[in-house]
Each structure stands twice: as C-alpha cells, then as structure tokens.
Amino acid sequence: EPTRMDRRSEATTVSGKAAWLIETDISVAEPGLPFPGDRVVVVVVPDGVDWGFFFGAAPIGDVGLNQVLDRTVVDLRAD
C-alpha cells in the first residue's frame, strides 16, 4: 500500500504569474525496488481560461535526479 508524506503545498509564481506548488513523497513497500518511492512535484498555473501544468518525479534518495528536478522547477516559465 503506497504512503504519501506531503513536503509542501504553497502559493508560488512562475514567470510572475500566480501558481500553486505541491511536493510530496510517495513511498511503496515493494521488495526488490532499488529505491523506496518517488518525490513528486506538481505546479499549476492558471492563465485566463487555460491552465499550465507541470508534473515531475525523481526517486527518493537519488541526489542527482532530485537536483535535476529542483533546477527544472526553478526554471519553469509560463508565457
């Protein structure tokens, strides 16, 4: 049974536009997996009648991939 541990759920901005960011760890207790689950980041940017949406995930404990995810979130743009 997967478990979720919320890290943050907060207002932010993307390219100066209001946005919402949710970050959570989703863990699974599955024998043989090389990692305990995924760190997931979702960013939603309302833009008039449309919405921008970003979803990113990296294995919990994988420092390199989590750094890539962090840089990607910081570099998000909404035009």
PDB file of N, CA and C in Angstrom:
ATOM      1  N   GLU A   1       0.850  -1.176   0.000  1.00  0.00           N
ATOM      2  CA  GLU A   1       0.000   0.000   0.000  1.00  0.00           C
ATOM      3  C   GLU A   1       0.896   1.240   0.000  1.00  0.00           C
ATOM      4  N   PRO A   2       0.790   2.092  -1.018  1.00  0.00           N
ATOM      5  CA  PRO A   2       1.608   3.311  -1.042  1.00  0.00           C
ATOM      6  C   PRO A   2       1.259   4.253   0.111  1.00  0.00           C
ATOM      7  N   THR A   3       2.249   5.010   0.549  1.00  0.00           N
ATOM      8  CA  THR A   3       2.018   6.055   1.551  1.00  0.00           C
ATOM      9  C   THR A   3       2.497   7.378   0.981  1.00  0.00           C
ATOM     10  N   ARG A   4       1.918   8.449   1.463  1.00  0.00           N
ATOM     11  CA  ARG A   4       2.271   9.783   0.989  1.00  0.00           C
ATOM     12  C   ARG A   4       2.684  10.643   2.180  1.00  0.00           C
ATOM     13  N   MET A   5       3.794  11.371   2.011  1.00  0.00           N
ATOM     14  CA  MET A   5       4.227  12.329   3.015  1.00  0.00           C
ATOM     15  C   MET A   5       4.365  13.684   2.322  1.00  0.00           C
ATOM     16  N   ASP A   6       3.439  14.579   2.614  1.00  0.00           N
ATOM     17  CA  ASP A   6       3.478  15.897   1.993  1.00  0.00           C
ATOM     18  C   ASP A   6       4.641  16.704   2.534  1.00  0.00           C
ATOM     19  N   ARG A   7       5.403  17.293   1.636  1.00  0.00           N
ATOM     20  CA  ARG A   7       6.519  18.162   1.994  1.00  0.00           C
ATOM     21  C   ARG A   7       6.069  19.614   2.036  1.00  0.00           C
ATOM     22  N   ARG A   8       5.301  20.033   0.999  1.00  0.00           N
ATOM     23  CA  ARG A   8       4.791  21.403   0.973  1.00  0.00           C
ATOM     24  C   ARG A   8       3.645  21.532  -0.023  1.00  0.00           C
ATOM     25  N   SER A   9       2.807  22.480   0.249  1.00  0.00           N
ATOM     26  CA  SER A   9       1.697  22.861  -0.618  1.00  0.00           C
ATOM     27  C   SER A   9       1.555  24.361  -0.422  1.00  0.00           C
ATOM     28  N   GLU A  10       1.976  25.128  -1.458  1.00  0.00           N
ATOM     29  CA  GLU A  10       2.091  26.563  -1.232  1.00  0.00           C
ATOM     30  C   GLU A  10       1.943  27.373  -2.507  1.00  0.00           C
ATOM     31  N   ALA A  11       1.551  28.620  -2.316  1.00  0.00           N
ATOM     32  CA  ALA A  11       1.489  29.564  -3.421  1.00  0.00           C
ATOM     33  C   ALA A  11       2.910  29.899  -3.859  1.00  0.00           C
ATOM     34  N   THR A  12       3.072  30.104  -5.157  1.00  0.00           N
ATOM     35  CA  THR A  12       4.358  30.498  -5.723  1.00  0.00           C
ATOM     36  C   THR A  12       4.074  31.305  -6.976  1.00  0.00           C
ATOM     37  N   THR A  13       5.098  31.640  -7.717  1.00  0.00           N
ATOM     38  CA  THR A  13       4.903  32.296  -9.002  1.00  0.00           C
ATOM     39  C   THR A  13       5.749  31.595 -10.058  1.00  0.00           C
ATOM     40  N   VAL A  14       5.271  31.661 -11.291  1.00  0.00           N
ATOM     41  CA  VAL A  14       6.008  31.170 -12.455  1.00  0.00           C
ATOM     42  C   VAL A  14       5.943  32.288 -13.486  1.00  0.00           C
ATOM     43  N   SER A  15       7.078  32.833 -13.835  1.00  0.00           N
ATOM     44  CA  SER A  15       7.144  33.969 -14.766  1.00  0.00           C
ATOM     45  C   SER A  15       6.261  35.123 -14.298  1.00  0.00           C
ATOM     46  N   GLY A  16       6.221  35.346 -12.995  1.00  0.00           N
ATOM     47  CA  GLY A  16       5.435  36.436 -12.438  1.00  0.00           C
ATOM     48  C   GLY A  16       3.948  36.153 -12.316  1.00  0.00           C
ATOM     49  N   LYS A  17       3.516  34.954 -12.721  1.00  0.00           N
ATOM     50  CA  LYS A  17       2.102  34.588 -12.632  1.00  0.00           C
ATOM     51  C   LYS A  17       1.866  33.750 -11.382  1.00  0.00           C
ATOM     52  N   ALA A  18       0.712  33.967 -10.751  1.00  0.00           N
ATOM     53  CA  ALA A  18       0.359  33.181  -9.564  1.00  0.00           C
ATOM     54  C   ALA A  18       0.308  31.703  -9.933  1.00  0.00           C
ATOM     55  N   ALA A  19       0.803  30.867  -9.037  1.00  0.00           N
ATOM     56  CA  ALA A  19       0.826  29.423  -9.264  1.00  0.00           C
ATOM     57  C   ALA A  19       0.699  28.712  -7.924  1.00  0.00           C
ATOM     58  N   TRP A  20       0.480  27.404  -7.972  1.00  0.00           N
ATOM     59  CA  TRP A  20       0.439  26.591  -6.755  1.00  0.00           C
ATOM     60  C   TRP A  20       1.376  25.409  -6.945  1.00  0.00           C
ATOM     61  N   LEU A  21       2.188  25.141  -5.916  1.00  0.00           N
ATOM     62  CA  LEU A  21       3.158  24.055  -5.953  1.00  0.00           C
ATOM     63  C   LEU A  21       2.818  23.046  -4.857  1.00  0.00           C
ATOM     64  N   ILE A  22       2.808  21.781  -5.228  1.00  0.00           N
ATOM     65  CA  ILE A  22       2.633  20.684  -4.277  1.00  0.00           C
ATOM     66  C   ILE A  22       3.824  19.752  -4.428  1.00  0.00           C
ATOM     67  N   GLU A  23       4.445  19.413  -3.311  1.00  0.00           N
ATOM     68  CA  GLU A  23       5.568  18.479  -3.301  1.00  0.00           C
ATOM     69  C   GLU A  23       5.277  17.401  -2.272  1.00  0.00           C
ATOM     70  N   THR A  24       5.432  16.142  -2.665  1.00  0.00           N
ATOM     71  CA  THR A  24       5.129  15.036  -1.766  1.00  0.00           C
ATOM     72  C   THR A  24       6.036  13.849  -2.070  1.00  0.00           C
ATOM     73  N   ASP A  25       6.271  13.033  -1.083  1.00  0.00           N
ATOM     74  CA  ASP A  25       6.970  11.756  -1.273  1.00  0.00           C
ATOM     75  C   ASP A  25       5.927  10.647  -1.295  1.00  0.00           C
ATOM     76  N   ILE A  26       5.989   9.817  -2.310  1.00  0.00           N
ATOM     77  CA  ILE A  26       5.104   8.654  -2.390  1.00  0.00           C
ATOM     78  C   ILE A  26       5.985   7.420  -2.240  1.00  0.00           C
ATOM     79  N   SER A  27       5.807   6.717  -1.138  1.00  0.00           N
ATOM     80  CA  SER A  27       6.627   5.549  -0.823  1.00  0.00           C
ATOM     81  C   SER A  27       5.842   4.269  -1.064  1.00  0.00           C
ATOM     82  N   VAL A  28       6.569   3.249  -1.486  1.00  0.00           N
ATOM     83  CA  VAL A  28       5.972   1.929  -1.673  1.00  0.00           C
ATOM     84  C   VAL A  28       6.855   0.897  -0.980  1.00  0.00           C
ATOM     85  N   ALA A  29       6.233  -0.065  -0.364  1.00  0.00           N
ATOM     86  CA  ALA A  29       6.972  -1.123   0.334  1.00  0.00           C
ATOM     87  C   ALA A  29       6.973  -2.358  -0.553  1.00  0.00           C
ATOM     88  N   GLU A  30       7.722  -2.283  -1.636  1.00  0.00           N
ATOM     89  CA  GLU A  30       7.785  -3.385  -2.597  1.00  0.00           C
ATOM     90  C   GLU A  30       9.189  -3.987  -2.557  1.00  0.00           C
ATOM     91  N   PRO A  31       9.303  -5.232  -2.137  1.00  0.00           N
ATOM     92  CA  PRO A  31      10.630  -5.857  -2.067  1.00  0.00           C
ATOM     93  C   PRO A  31      11.318  -5.842  -3.434  1.00  0.00           C
ATOM     94  N   GLY A  32      12.609  -5.552  -3.412  1.00  0.00           N
ATOM     95  CA  GLY A  32      13.397  -5.599  -4.630  1.00  0.00           C
ATOM     96  C   GLY A  32      13.510  -4.285  -5.382  1.00  0.00           C
ATOM     97  N   LEU A  33      12.732  -3.285  -5.008  1.00  0.00           N
ATOM     98  CA  LEU A  33      12.867  -1.992  -5.684  1.00  0.00           C
ATOM     99  C   LEU A  33      14.184  -1.333  -5.269  1.00  0.00           C
ATOM    100  N   PRO A  34      14.860  -0.673  -6.192  1.00  0.00           N
ATOM    101  CA  PRO A  34      16.135  -0.041  -5.844  1.00  0.00           C
ATOM    102  C   PRO A  34      15.977   1.265  -5.068  1.00  0.00           C
ATOM    103  N   PHE A  35      14.752   1.741  -4.898  1.00  0.00           N
ATOM    104  CA  PHE A  35      14.501   2.968  -4.160  1.00  0.00           C
ATOM    105  C   PHE A  35      13.143   2.839  -3.468  1.00  0.00           C
ATOM    106  N   PRO A  36      12.894   3.632  -2.399  1.00  0.00           N
ATOM    107  CA  PRO A  36      11.662   3.451  -1.619  1.00  0.00           C
ATOM    108  C   PRO A  36      10.415   4.087  -2.228  1.00  0.00           C
ATOM    109  N   GLY A  37      10.572   4.862  -3.300  1.00  0.00           N
ATOM    110  CA  GLY A  37       9.422   5.526  -3.922  1.00  0.00           C
ATOM    111  C   GLY A  37       9.887   6.757  -4.665  1.00  0.00           C
ATOM    112  N   ASP A  38       8.970   7.686  -4.894  1.00  0.00           N
ATOM    113  CA  ASP A  38       9.284   8.875  -5.677  1.00  0.00           C
ATOM    114  C   ASP A  38       8.941  10.157  -4.936  1.00  0.00           C
ATOM    115  N   ARG A  39       9.752  11.158  -5.175  1.00  0.00           N
ATOM    116  CA  ARG A  39       9.440  12.523  -4.783  1.00  0.00           C
ATOM    117  C   ARG A  39       8.727  13.137  -5.992  1.00  0.00           C
ATOM    118  N   VAL A  40       7.552  13.691  -5.751  1.00  0.00           N
ATOM    119  CA  VAL A  40       6.715  14.207  -6.828  1.00  0.00           C
ATOM    120  C   VAL A  40       6.496  15.705  -6.622  1.00  0.00           C
ATOM    121  N   VAL A  41       6.598  16.469  -7.706  1.00  0.00           N
ATOM    122  CA  VAL A  41       6.324  17.898  -7.676  1.00  0.00           C
ATOM    123  C   VAL A  41       5.293  18.208  -8.759  1.00  0.00           C
ATOM    124  N   VAL A  42       4.236  18.913  -8.363  1.00  0.00           N
ATOM    125  CA  VAL A  42       3.198  19.364  -9.289  1.00  0.00           C
ATOM    126  C   VAL A  42       3.089  20.876  -9.159  1.00  0.00           C
ATOM    127  N   VAL A  43       3.083  21.571 -10.305  1.00  0.00           N
ATOM    128  CA  VAL A  43       2.903  23.020 -10.318  1.00  0.00           C
ATOM    129  C   VAL A  43       1.764  23.325 -11.291  1.00  0.00           C
ATOM    130  N   VAL A  44       0.803  24.120 -10.831  1.00  0.00           N
ATOM    131  CA  VAL A  44      -0.337  24.513 -11.654  1.00  0.00           C
ATOM    132  C   VAL A  44      -0.341  26.033 -11.764  1.00  0.00           C
ATOM    133  N   VAL A  45      -0.488  26.524 -13.006  1.00  0.00           N
ATOM    134  CA  VAL A  45      -0.510  27.965 -13.262  1.00  0.00           C
ATOM    135  C   VAL A  45      -1.799  28.300 -14.013  1.00  0.00           C
ATOM    136  N   PRO A  46      -2.769  28.967 -13.356  1.00  0.00           N
ATOM    137  CA  PRO A  46      -3.950  29.405 -14.094  1.00  0.00           C
ATOM    138  C   PRO A  46      -3.581  30.572 -15.012  1.00  0.00           C
ATOM    139  N   ASP A  47      -4.097  30.537 -16.229  1.00  0.00           N
ATOM    140  CA  ASP A  47      -3.760  31.571 -17.208  1.00  0.00           C
ATOM    141  C   ASP A  47      -5.011  31.921 -18.005  1.00  0.00           C
ATOM    142  N   GLY A  48      -5.857  32.753 -17.409  1.00  0.00           N
ATOM    143  CA  GLY A  48      -7.111  33.092 -18.079  1.00  0.00           C
ATOM    144  C   GLY A  48      -8.034  31.890 -18.102  1.00  0.00           C
ATOM    145  N   VAL A  49      -8.413  31.460 -19.292  1.00  0.00           N
ATOM    146  CA  VAL A  49      -9.298  30.295 -19.415  1.00  0.00           C
ATOM    147  C   VAL A  49      -8.517  28.990 -19.466  1.00  0.00           C
ATOM    148  N   ASP A  50      -7.199  29.066 -19.629  1.00  0.00           N
ATOM    149  CA  ASP A  50      -6.355  27.876 -19.714  1.00  0.00           C
ATOM    150  C   ASP A  50      -5.566  27.676 -18.422  1.00  0.00           C
ATOM    151  N   TRP A  51      -4.977  26.496 -18.300  1.00  0.00           N
ATOM    152  CA  TRP A  51      -4.138  26.167 -17.152  1.00  0.00           C
ATOM    153  C   TRP A  51      -2.825  25.591 -17.651  1.00  0.00           C
ATOM    154  N   GLY A  52      -1.745  25.989 -17.005  1.00  0.00           N
ATOM    155  CA  GLY A  52      -0.466  25.341 -17.248  1.00  0.00           C
ATOM    156  C   GLY A  52      -0.244  24.320 -16.142  1.00  0.00           C
ATOM    157  N   PHE A  53       0.369  23.191 -16.477  1.00  0.00           N
ATOM    158  CA  PHE A  53       0.539  22.105 -15.518  1.00  0.00           C
ATOM    159  C   PHE A  53       1.909  21.485 -15.713  1.00  0.00           C
ATOM    160  N   PHE A  54       2.651  21.327 -14.616  1.00  0.00           N
ATOM    161  CA  PHE A  54       3.927  20.618 -14.636  1.00  0.00           C
ATOM    162  C   PHE A  54       3.857  19.479 -13.641  1.00  0.00           C
ATOM    163  N   PHE A  55       4.341  18.307 -14.052  1.00  0.00           N
ATOM    164  CA  PHE A  55       4.477  17.154 -13.163  1.00  0.00           C
ATOM    165  C   PHE A  55       5.896  16.643 -13.317  1.00  0.00           C
ATOM    166  N   GLY A  56       6.592  16.490 -12.199  1.00  0.00           N
ATOM    167  CA  GLY A  56       7.928  15.921 -12.225  1.00  0.00           C
ATOM    168  C   GLY A  56       8.092  14.947 -11.071  1.00  0.00           C
ATOM    169  N   ALA A  57       8.923  13.933 -11.286  1.00  0.00           N
ATOM    170  CA  ALA A  57       9.168  12.940 -10.243  1.00  0.00           C
ATOM    171  C   ALA A  57      10.607  12.449 -10.339  1.00  0.00           C
ATOM    172  N   ALA A  58      11.171  12.123  -9.193  1.00  0.00           N
ATOM    173  CA  ALA A  58      12.510  11.555  -9.116  1.00  0.00           C
ATOM    174  C   ALA A  58      12.526  10.563  -7.956  1.00  0.00           C
ATOM    175  N   PRO A  59      13.324   9.494  -8.075  1.00  0.00           N
ATOM    176  CA  PRO A  59      13.392   8.523  -6.994  1.00  0.00           C
ATOM    177  C   PRO A  59      13.856   9.155  -5.683  1.00  0.00           C
ATOM    178  N   ILE A  60      13.195   8.799  -4.602  1.00  0.00           N
ATOM    179  CA  ILE A  60      13.609   9.255  -3.274  1.00  0.00           C
ATOM    180  C   ILE A  60      15.035   8.766  -3.025  1.00  0.00           C
ATOM    181  N   GLY A  61      15.897   9.674  -2.632  1.00  0.00           N
ATOM    182  CA  GLY A  61      17.272   9.306  -2.316  1.00  0.00           C
ATOM    183  C   GLY A  61      18.247   9.421  -3.477  1.00  0.00           C
ATOM    184  N   ASP A  62      17.762   9.640  -4.706  1.00  0.00           N
ATOM    185  CA  ASP A  62      18.657   9.810  -5.850  1.00  0.00           C
ATOM    186  C   ASP A  62      19.021  11.285  -5.934  1.00  0.00           C
ATOM    187  N   VAL A  63      20.168  11.630  -5.372  1.00  0.00           N
ATOM    188  CA  VAL A  63      20.574  13.028  -5.248  1.00  0.00           C
ATOM    189  C   VAL A  63      20.649  13.705  -6.612  1.00  0.00           C
ATOM    190  N   GLY A  64      21.268  13.066  -7.580  1.00  0.00           N
ATOM    191  CA  GLY A  64      21.443  13.665  -8.898  1.00  0.00           C
ATOM    192  C   GLY A  64      20.122  13.979  -9.583  1.00  0.00           C
ATOM    193  N   LEU A  65      19.206  13.022  -9.614  1.00  0.00           N
ATOM    194  CA  LEU A  65      17.919  13.255 -10.270  1.00  0.00           C
ATOM    195  C   LEU A  65      17.059  14.251  -9.502  1.00  0.00           C
ATOM    196  N   ASN A  66      17.172  14.272  -8.178  1.00  0.00           N
ATOM    197  CA  ASN A  66      16.423  15.263  -7.409  1.00  0.00           C
ATOM    198  C   ASN A  66      16.972  16.665  -7.643  1.00  0.00           C
ATOM    199  N   GLN A  67      18.266  16.801  -7.870  1.00  0.00           N
ATOM    200  CA  GLN A  67      18.825  18.103  -8.215  1.00  0.00           C
ATOM    201  C   GLN A  67      18.317  18.560  -9.580  1.00  0.00           C
ATOM    202  N   VAL A  68      18.214  17.641 -10.524  1.00  0.00           N
ATOM    203  CA  VAL A  68      17.659  17.979 -11.841  1.00  0.00           C
ATOM    204  C   VAL A  68      16.214  18.440 -11.685  1.00  0.00           C
ATOM    205  N   LEU A  69      15.431  17.730 -10.888  1.00  0.00           N
ATOM    206  CA  LEU A  69      14.036  18.118 -10.653  1.00  0.00           C
ATOM    207  C   LEU A  69      13.963  19.502 -10.021  1.00  0.00           C
ATOM    208  N   ASP A  70      14.787  19.784  -9.021  1.00  0.00           N
ATOM    209  CA  ASP A  70      14.795  21.099  -8.370  1.00  0.00           C
ATOM    210  C   ASP A  70      15.129  22.210  -9.367  1.00  0.00           C
ATOM    211  N   ARG A  71      16.150  21.991 -10.200  1.00  0.00           N
ATOM    212  CA  ARG A  71      16.531  23.008 -11.191  1.00  0.00           C
ATOM    213  C   ARG A  71      15.419  23.213 -12.216  1.00  0.00           C
ATOM    214  N   THR A  72      14.767  22.129 -12.607  1.00  0.00           N
ATOM    215  CA  THR A  72      13.678  22.226 -13.576  1.00  0.00           C
ATOM    216  C   THR A  72      12.537  23.063 -13.021  1.00  0.00           C
ATOM    217  N   VAL A  73      12.165  22.832 -11.760  1.00  0.00           N
ATOM    218  CA  VAL A  73      11.077  23.586 -11.153  1.00  0.00           C
ATOM    219  C   VAL A  73      11.450  25.073 -11.061  1.00  0.00           C
ATOM    220  N   VAL A  74      12.671  25.372 -10.671  1.00  0.00           N
ATOM    221  CA  VAL A  74      13.115  26.763 -10.572  1.00  0.00           C
ATOM    222  C   VAL A  74      13.091  27.435 -11.949  1.00  0.00           C
ATOM    223  N   ASP A  75      13.378  26.686 -12.996  1.00  0.00           N
ATOM    224  CA  ASP A  75      13.463  27.248 -14.350  1.00  0.00           C
ATOM    225  C   ASP A  75      12.137  27.228 -15.111  1.00  0.00           C
ATOM    226  N   LEU A  76      11.041  26.819 -14.485  1.00  0.00           N
ATOM    227  CA  LEU A  76       9.758  26.808 -15.186  1.00  0.00           C
ATOM    228  C   LEU A  76       9.407  28.197 -15.680  1.00  0.00           C
ATOM    229  N   ARG A  77       8.797  28.264 -16.850  1.00  0.00           N
ATOM    230  CA  ARG A  77       8.340  29.527 -17.443  1.00  0.00           C
ATOM    231  C   ARG A  77       6.920  29.364 -17.927  1.00  0.00           C
ATOM    232  N   ALA A  78       6.154  30.425 -17.818  1.00  0.00           N
ATOM    233  CA  ALA A  78       4.780  30.448 -18.330  1.00  0.00           C
ATOM    234  C   ALA A  78       4.638  31.702 -19.183  1.00  0.00           C
ATOM    235  N   ASP A  79       4.401  31.512 -20.450  1.00  0.00           N
ATOM    236  CA  ASP A  79       4.262  32.658 -21.359  1.00  0.00           C
ATOM    237  C   ASP A  79       2.809  32.908 -21.699  1.00  0.00           C
TER     238      ASP A  79
END
